[in-house]
Amino acid sequence: DGTAYSLNGHSTGTFSIDFGAGTVDTSLTLA
C-alpha cells in the first residue's frame, strides 16, 4: 500500500525439484 518494507530475516521459503518430471515447486512466506 505504498509503504516500503524490508523482508530480510523475516521471510521463509521452500524449494523442491522433481528431476524426472523436470518440475520445480516453491513457496514464499513473506513478512
Full PDB file with SEQRES, HELIX, SHEET, SSBOND, CRYST1, ORIGX, SCALE, CONECT and MASTER records, all heavy atoms in Angstrom:
SEQRES   1 A   31  ASP GLY THR ALA TYR SER LEU ASN GLY HIS SER THR GLY          
SEQRES   2 A   31  THR PHE SER ILE ASP PHE GLY ALA GLY THR VAL ASP THR          
SEQRES   3 A   31  SER LEU THR LEU ALA                                          
SHEET    1 AA1 2 THR A  12  ASP A  18  0                                        
SHEET    2 AA1 2 THR A  23  THR A  29 -1                                        
CRYST1    1.000    1.000    1.000  90.00  90.00  90.00 P 1           1          
ORIGX1      1.000000  0.000000  0.000000        0.00000                         
ORIGX2      0.000000  1.000000  0.000000        0.00000                         
ORIGX3      0.000000  0.000000  1.000000        0.00000                         
SCALE1      1.000000  0.000000  0.000000        0.00000                         
SCALE2      0.000000  1.000000  0.000000        0.00000                         
SCALE3      0.000000  0.000000  1.000000        0.00000                         
ATOM      1  N   ASP A   1       0.829  -1.211   0.000  1.00  0.00           N  
ATOM      2  CA  ASP A   1       0.000   0.000   0.000  1.00  0.00           C  
ATOM      3  C   ASP A   1       0.863   1.260   0.000  1.00  0.00           C  
ATOM      4  O   ASP A   1       0.560   2.247   0.679  1.00  0.00           O  
ATOM      5  CB  ASP A   1      -0.948  -0.006   1.203  1.00  0.00           C  
ATOM      6  CG  ASP A   1      -1.954  -1.151   1.144  1.00  0.00           C  
ATOM      7  OD1 ASP A   1      -2.407  -1.482   0.037  1.00  0.00           O  
ATOM      8  OD2 ASP A   1      -2.273  -1.716   2.202  1.00  0.00           O  
ATOM      9  N   GLY A   2       1.963   1.203  -0.758  1.00  0.00           N  
ATOM     10  CA  GLY A   2       2.816   2.369  -0.944  1.00  0.00           C  
ATOM     11  C   GLY A   2       3.863   2.581   0.125  1.00  0.00           C  
ATOM     12  O   GLY A   2       4.693   3.483   0.002  1.00  0.00           O  
ATOM     13  N   THR A   3       3.890   1.747   1.166  1.00  0.00           N  
ATOM     14  CA  THR A   3       4.865   1.881   2.249  1.00  0.00           C  
ATOM     15  C   THR A   3       5.970   0.854   2.051  1.00  0.00           C  
ATOM     16  O   THR A   3       5.697  -0.314   1.770  1.00  0.00           O  
ATOM     17  CB  THR A   3       4.201   1.677   3.617  1.00  0.00           C  
ATOM     18  OG1 THR A   3       3.156   2.653   3.786  1.00  0.00           O  
ATOM     19  CG2 THR A   3       5.217   1.830   4.740  1.00  0.00           C  
ATOM     20  N   ALA A   4       7.236   1.276   2.225  1.00  0.00           N  
ATOM     21  CA  ALA A   4       8.375   0.410   1.943  1.00  0.00           C  
ATOM     22  C   ALA A   4       8.693  -0.495   3.127  1.00  0.00           C  
ATOM     23  O   ALA A   4       8.713  -0.060   4.280  1.00  0.00           O  
ATOM     24  CB  ALA A   4       9.596   1.251   1.602  1.00  0.00           C  
ATOM     25  N   TYR A   5       8.959  -1.774   2.805  1.00  0.00           N  
ATOM     26  CA  TYR A   5       9.293  -2.775   3.815  1.00  0.00           C  
ATOM     27  C   TYR A   5      10.534  -3.546   3.386  1.00  0.00           C  
ATOM     28  O   TYR A   5      10.794  -3.727   2.197  1.00  0.00           O  
ATOM     29  CB  TYR A   5       8.146  -3.778   3.987  1.00  0.00           C  
ATOM     30  CG  TYR A   5       6.923  -3.225   4.671  1.00  0.00           C  
ATOM     31  CD1 TYR A   5       5.960  -2.532   3.955  1.00  0.00           C  
ATOM     32  CD2 TYR A   5       6.731  -3.400   6.044  1.00  0.00           C  
ATOM     33  CE1 TYR A   5       4.828  -2.023   4.582  1.00  0.00           C  
ATOM     34  CE2 TYR A   5       5.608  -2.910   6.677  1.00  0.00           C  
ATOM     35  CZ  TYR A   5       4.665  -2.211   5.942  1.00  0.00           C  
ATOM     36  OH  TYR A   5       3.545  -1.721   6.570  1.00  0.00           O  
ATOM     37  N   SER A   6      11.271  -4.045   4.390  1.00  0.00           N  
ATOM     38  CA  SER A   6      12.375  -4.978   4.166  1.00  0.00           C  
ATOM     39  C   SER A   6      11.933  -6.364   4.610  1.00  0.00           C  
ATOM     40  O   SER A   6      11.377  -6.523   5.703  1.00  0.00           O  
ATOM     41  CB  SER A   6      13.608  -4.542   4.957  1.00  0.00           C  
ATOM     42  OG  SER A   6      14.604  -5.556   4.912  1.00  0.00           O  
ATOM     43  N   LEU A   7      12.205  -7.369   3.763  1.00  0.00           N  
ATOM     44  CA  LEU A   7      11.829  -8.749   4.064  1.00  0.00           C  
ATOM     45  C   LEU A   7      12.969  -9.542   4.674  1.00  0.00           C  
ATOM     46  O   LEU A   7      12.771 -10.682   5.113  1.00  0.00           O  
ATOM     47  CB  LEU A   7      11.373  -9.457   2.786  1.00  0.00           C  
ATOM     48  CG  LEU A   7      10.269  -8.785   1.972  1.00  0.00           C  
ATOM     49  CD1 LEU A   7       9.997  -9.597   0.710  1.00  0.00           C  
ATOM     50  CD2 LEU A   7       9.002  -8.634   2.790  1.00  0.00           C  
ATOM     51  N   ASN A   8      14.171  -8.978   4.699  1.00  0.00           N  
ATOM     52  CA  ASN A   8      15.362  -9.728   5.108  1.00  0.00           C  
ATOM     53  C   ASN A   8      15.251 -10.216   6.551  1.00  0.00           C  
ATOM     54  O   ASN A   8      14.982  -9.433   7.462  1.00  0.00           O  
ATOM     55  CB  ASN A   8      16.612  -8.866   4.957  1.00  0.00           C  
ATOM     56  CG  ASN A   8      16.875  -8.468   3.525  1.00  0.00           C  
ATOM     57  OD1 ASN A   8      16.411  -9.108   2.599  1.00  0.00           O  
ATOM     58  ND2 ASN A   8      17.634  -7.402   3.331  1.00  0.00           N  
ATOM     59  N   GLY A   9      15.459 -11.519   6.733  1.00  0.00           N  
ATOM     60  CA  GLY A   9      15.469 -12.090   8.065  1.00  0.00           C  
ATOM     61  C   GLY A   9      14.115 -12.401   8.640  1.00  0.00           C  
ATOM     62  O   GLY A   9      14.017 -12.936   9.751  1.00  0.00           O  
ATOM     63  N   HIS A  10      13.046 -12.105   7.907  1.00  0.00           N  
ATOM     64  CA  HIS A  10      11.699 -12.311   8.435  1.00  0.00           C  
ATOM     65  C   HIS A  10      10.865 -13.250   7.575  1.00  0.00           C  
ATOM     66  O   HIS A  10       9.850 -13.777   8.037  1.00  0.00           O  
ATOM     67  CB  HIS A  10      10.973 -10.967   8.564  1.00  0.00           C  
ATOM     68  CG  HIS A  10      11.734  -9.939   9.342  1.00  0.00           C  
ATOM     69  ND1 HIS A  10      11.971 -10.055  10.691  1.00  0.00           N  
ATOM     70  CD2 HIS A  10      12.346  -8.794   8.947  1.00  0.00           C  
ATOM     71  CE1 HIS A  10      12.682  -9.025  11.099  1.00  0.00           C  
ATOM     72  NE2 HIS A  10      12.921  -8.238  10.060  1.00  0.00           N  
ATOM     73  N   SER A  11      11.274 -13.470   6.335  1.00  0.00           N  
ATOM     74  CA  SER A  11      10.516 -14.306   5.413  1.00  0.00           C  
ATOM     75  C   SER A  11      11.133 -15.707   5.360  1.00  0.00           C  
ATOM     76  O   SER A  11      12.304 -15.901   5.665  1.00  0.00           O  
ATOM     77  CB  SER A  11      10.506 -13.689   4.015  1.00  0.00           C  
ATOM     78  OG  SER A  11       9.920 -12.396   4.043  1.00  0.00           O  
ATOM     79  N   THR A  12      10.319 -16.679   4.979  1.00  0.00           N  
ATOM     80  CA  THR A  12      10.779 -18.063   4.861  1.00  0.00           C  
ATOM     81  C   THR A  12      10.318 -18.632   3.525  1.00  0.00           C  
ATOM     82  O   THR A  12       9.425 -18.084   2.871  1.00  0.00           O  
ATOM     83  CB  THR A  12      10.243 -18.935   6.007  1.00  0.00           C  
ATOM     84  OG1 THR A  12       8.801 -18.888   5.999  1.00  0.00           O  
ATOM     85  CG2 THR A  12      10.751 -18.443   7.359  1.00  0.00           C  
ATOM     86  N   GLY A  13      10.920 -19.765   3.150  1.00  0.00           N  
ATOM     87  CA  GLY A  13      10.553 -20.356   1.873  1.00  0.00           C  
ATOM     88  C   GLY A  13      10.906 -21.824   1.783  1.00  0.00           C  
ATOM     89  O   GLY A  13      11.633 -22.369   2.620  1.00  0.00           O  
ATOM     90  N   THR A  14      10.378 -22.471   0.753  1.00  0.00           N  
ATOM     91  CA  THR A  14      10.694 -23.863   0.440  1.00  0.00           C  
ATOM     92  C   THR A  14      10.996 -23.972  -1.044  1.00  0.00           C  
ATOM     93  O   THR A  14      10.558 -23.143  -1.851  1.00  0.00           O  
ATOM     94  CB  THR A  14       9.538 -24.809   0.785  1.00  0.00           C  
ATOM     95  OG1 THR A  14       8.409 -24.506  -0.071  1.00  0.00           O  
ATOM     96  CG2 THR A  14       9.112 -24.667   2.243  1.00  0.00           C  
ATOM     97  N   PHE A  15      11.755 -25.020  -1.419  1.00  0.00           N  
ATOM     98  CA  PHE A  15      12.063 -25.262  -2.829  1.00  0.00           C  
ATOM     99  C   PHE A  15      12.329 -26.737  -3.012  1.00  0.00           C  
ATOM    100  O   PHE A  15      13.037 -27.360  -2.207  1.00  0.00           O  
ATOM    101  CB  PHE A  15      13.292 -24.465  -3.263  1.00  0.00           C  
ATOM    102  CG  PHE A  15      13.582 -24.538  -4.734  1.00  0.00           C  
ATOM    103  CD1 PHE A  15      12.907 -23.734  -5.637  1.00  0.00           C  
ATOM    104  CD2 PHE A  15      14.533 -25.419  -5.225  1.00  0.00           C  
ATOM    105  CE1 PHE A  15      13.166 -23.815  -7.001  1.00  0.00           C  
ATOM    106  CE2 PHE A  15      14.812 -25.499  -6.584  1.00  0.00           C  
ATOM    107  CZ  PHE A  15      14.111 -24.699  -7.471  1.00  0.00           C  
ATOM    108  N   SER A  16      11.756 -27.315  -4.059  1.00  0.00           N  
ATOM    109  CA  SER A  16      11.978 -28.724  -4.361  1.00  0.00           C  
ATOM    110  C   SER A  16      11.963 -28.940  -5.862  1.00  0.00           C  
ATOM    111  O   SER A  16      11.375 -28.155  -6.620  1.00  0.00           O  
ATOM    112  CB  SER A  16      10.928 -29.607  -3.688  1.00  0.00           C  
ATOM    113  OG  SER A  16       9.636 -29.310  -4.175  1.00  0.00           O  
ATOM    114  N   ILE A  17      12.632 -30.031  -6.285  1.00  0.00           N  
ATOM    115  CA  ILE A  17      12.725 -30.377  -7.703  1.00  0.00           C  
ATOM    116  C   ILE A  17      12.370 -31.833  -7.884  1.00  0.00           C  
ATOM    117  O   ILE A  17      12.808 -32.699  -7.116  1.00  0.00           O  
ATOM    118  CB  ILE A  17      14.150 -30.154  -8.249  1.00  0.00           C  
ATOM    119  CG1 ILE A  17      14.629 -28.733  -8.005  1.00  0.00           C  
ATOM    120  CG2 ILE A  17      14.211 -30.476  -9.745  1.00  0.00           C  
ATOM    121  CD1 ILE A  17      16.066 -28.500  -8.438  1.00  0.00           C  
ATOM    122  N   ASP A  18      11.577 -32.126  -8.901  1.00  0.00           N  
ATOM    123  CA  ASP A  18      11.378 -33.489  -9.388  1.00  0.00           C  
ATOM    124  C   ASP A  18      12.166 -33.592 -10.684  1.00  0.00           C  
ATOM    125  O   ASP A  18      11.729 -33.118 -11.733  1.00  0.00           O  
ATOM    126  CB  ASP A  18       9.886 -33.761  -9.622  1.00  0.00           C  
ATOM    127  CG  ASP A  18       9.615 -35.205 -10.024  1.00  0.00           C  
ATOM    128  OD1 ASP A  18      10.476 -35.827 -10.674  1.00  0.00           O  
ATOM    129  OD2 ASP A  18       8.523 -35.709  -9.694  1.00  0.00           O  
ATOM    130  N   PHE A  19      13.363 -34.175 -10.597  1.00  0.00           N  
ATOM    131  CA  PHE A  19      14.242 -34.208 -11.769  1.00  0.00           C  
ATOM    132  C   PHE A  19      13.664 -35.064 -12.887  1.00  0.00           C  
ATOM    133  O   PHE A  19      13.856 -34.766 -14.067  1.00  0.00           O  
ATOM    134  CB  PHE A  19      15.627 -34.720 -11.371  1.00  0.00           C  
ATOM    135  CG  PHE A  19      16.405 -33.763 -10.523  1.00  0.00           C  
ATOM    136  CD1 PHE A  19      16.609 -34.008  -9.170  1.00  0.00           C  
ATOM    137  CD2 PHE A  19      16.945 -32.606 -11.074  1.00  0.00           C  
ATOM    138  CE1 PHE A  19      17.341 -33.129  -8.386  1.00  0.00           C  
ATOM    139  CE2 PHE A  19      17.676 -31.716 -10.300  1.00  0.00           C  
ATOM    140  CZ  PHE A  19      17.873 -31.978  -8.950  1.00  0.00           C  
ATOM    141  N   GLY A  20      12.962 -36.135 -12.523  1.00  0.00           N  
ATOM    142  CA  GLY A  20      12.388 -36.990 -13.548  1.00  0.00           C  
ATOM    143  C   GLY A  20      11.324 -36.276 -14.362  1.00  0.00           C  
ATOM    144  O   GLY A  20      11.266 -36.399 -15.601  1.00  0.00           O  
ATOM    145  N   ALA A  21      10.477 -35.515 -13.687  1.00  0.00           N  
ATOM    146  CA  ALA A  21       9.409 -34.780 -14.371  1.00  0.00           C  
ATOM    147  C   ALA A  21       9.875 -33.440 -14.904  1.00  0.00           C  
ATOM    148  O   ALA A  21       9.195 -32.811 -15.723  1.00  0.00           O  
ATOM    149  CB  ALA A  21       8.228 -34.576 -13.421  1.00  0.00           C  
ATOM    150  N   GLY A  22      11.024 -32.956 -14.404  1.00  0.00           N  
ATOM    151  CA  GLY A  22      11.532 -31.661 -14.839  1.00  0.00           C  
ATOM    152  C   GLY A  22      10.768 -30.496 -14.262  1.00  0.00           C  
ATOM    153  O   GLY A  22      10.699 -29.422 -14.882  1.00  0.00           O  
ATOM    154  N   THR A  23      10.185 -30.675 -13.068  1.00  0.00           N  
ATOM    155  CA  THR A  23       9.366 -29.630 -12.466  1.00  0.00           C  
ATOM    156  C   THR A  23       9.986 -29.116 -11.172  1.00  0.00           C  
ATOM    157  O   THR A  23      10.738 -29.819 -10.495  1.00  0.00           O  
ATOM    158  CB  THR A  23       7.953 -30.152 -12.162  1.00  0.00           C  
ATOM    159  OG1 THR A  23       8.044 -31.292 -11.289  1.00  0.00           O  
ATOM    160  CG2 THR A  23       7.245 -30.557 -13.448  1.00  0.00           C  
ATOM    161  N   VAL A  24       9.657 -27.879 -10.831  1.00  0.00           N  
ATOM    162  CA  VAL A  24      10.094 -27.285  -9.570  1.00  0.00           C  
ATOM    163  C   VAL A  24       8.880 -26.731  -8.836  1.00  0.00           C  
ATOM    164  O   VAL A  24       7.903 -26.292  -9.460  1.00  0.00           O  
ATOM    165  CB  VAL A  24      11.133 -26.162  -9.781  1.00  0.00           C  
ATOM    166  CG1 VAL A  24      12.364 -26.699 -10.488  1.00  0.00           C  
ATOM    167  CG2 VAL A  24      10.543 -24.998 -10.561  1.00  0.00           C  
ATOM    168  N   ASP A  25       8.932 -26.773  -7.514  1.00  0.00           N  
ATOM    169  CA  ASP A  25       7.888 -26.213  -6.658  1.00  0.00           C  
ATOM    170  C   ASP A  25       8.543 -25.362  -5.587  1.00  0.00           C  
ATOM    171  O   ASP A  25       9.588 -25.730  -5.035  1.00  0.00           O  
ATOM    172  CB  ASP A  25       7.074 -27.333  -5.991  1.00  0.00           C  
ATOM    173  CG  ASP A  25       6.246 -28.117  -6.993  1.00  0.00           C  
ATOM    174  OD1 ASP A  25       5.161 -27.640  -7.370  1.00  0.00           O  
ATOM    175  OD2 ASP A  25       6.694 -29.206  -7.395  1.00  0.00           O  
ATOM    176  N   THR A  26       7.928 -24.222  -5.299  1.00  0.00           N  
ATOM    177  CA  THR A  26       8.494 -23.329  -4.301  1.00  0.00           C  
ATOM    178  C   THR A  26       7.377 -22.594  -3.590  1.00  0.00           C  
ATOM    179  O   THR A  26       6.244 -22.507  -4.093  1.00  0.00           O  
ATOM    180  CB  THR A  26       9.458 -22.328  -4.962  1.00  0.00           C  
ATOM    181  OG1 THR A  26      10.164 -21.603  -3.958  1.00  0.00           O  
ATOM    182  CG2 THR A  26       8.725 -21.347  -5.866  1.00  0.00           C  
ATOM    183  N   SER A  27       7.666 -22.105  -2.415  1.00  0.00           N  
ATOM    184  CA  SER A  27       6.722 -21.254  -1.703  1.00  0.00           C  
ATOM    185  C   SER A  27       7.488 -20.165  -0.979  1.00  0.00           C  
ATOM    186  O   SER A  27       8.613 -20.380  -0.510  1.00  0.00           O  
ATOM    187  CB  SER A  27       5.877 -22.050  -0.711  1.00  0.00           C  
ATOM    188  OG  SER A  27       6.658 -22.509   0.380  1.00  0.00           O  
ATOM    189  N   LEU A  28       6.877 -18.987  -0.915  1.00  0.00           N  
ATOM    190  CA  LEU A  28       7.440 -17.850  -0.196  1.00  0.00           C  
ATOM    191  C   LEU A  28       6.429 -17.376   0.832  1.00  0.00           C  
ATOM    192  O   LEU A  28       5.286 -17.054   0.483  1.00  0.00           O  
ATOM    193  CB  LEU A  28       7.759 -16.695  -1.153  1.00  0.00           C  
ATOM    194  CG  LEU A  28       8.719 -16.959  -2.314  1.00  0.00           C  
ATOM    195  CD1 LEU A  28       8.903 -15.687  -3.130  1.00  0.00           C  
ATOM    196  CD2 LEU A  28      10.047 -17.469  -1.810  1.00  0.00           C  
ATOM    197  N   THR A  29       6.811 -17.366   2.094  1.00  0.00           N  
ATOM    198  CA  THR A  29       6.001 -16.763   3.143  1.00  0.00           C  
ATOM    199  C   THR A  29       6.653 -15.437   3.479  1.00  0.00           C  
ATOM    200  O   THR A  29       7.716 -15.388   4.108  1.00  0.00           O  
ATOM    201  CB  THR A  29       5.927 -17.663   4.383  1.00  0.00           C  
ATOM    202  OG1 THR A  29       5.301 -18.899   4.020  1.00  0.00           O  
ATOM    203  CG2 THR A  29       5.105 -17.004   5.479  1.00  0.00           C  
ATOM    204  N   LEU A  30       6.034 -14.348   3.022  1.00  0.00           N  
ATOM    205  CA  LEU A  30       6.651 -13.032   3.087  1.00  0.00           C  
ATOM    206  C   LEU A  30       6.211 -12.288   4.350  1.00  0.00           C  
ATOM    207  O   LEU A  30       5.021 -12.212   4.667  1.00  0.00           O  
ATOM    208  CB  LEU A  30       6.285 -12.210   1.858  1.00  0.00           C  
ATOM    209  CG  LEU A  30       6.667 -12.824   0.501  1.00  0.00           C  
ATOM    210  CD1 LEU A  30       6.294 -11.874  -0.629  1.00  0.00           C  
ATOM    211  CD2 LEU A  30       8.154 -13.163   0.454  1.00  0.00           C  
ATOM    212  N   ALA A  31       7.189 -11.754   5.048  1.00  0.00           N  
ATOM    213  CA  ALA A  31       6.943 -10.921   6.220  1.00  0.00           C  
ATOM    214  C   ALA A  31       8.073  -9.915   6.308  1.00  0.00           C  
ATOM    215  O   ALA A  31       9.219 -10.217   5.945  1.00  0.00           O  
ATOM    216  CB  ALA A  31       6.868 -11.761   7.488  1.00  0.00           C  
TER     217      ALA A  31                                                      
MASTER        0    0    0    0    2    0    0    6  216    1    0    3          
END                                                                             
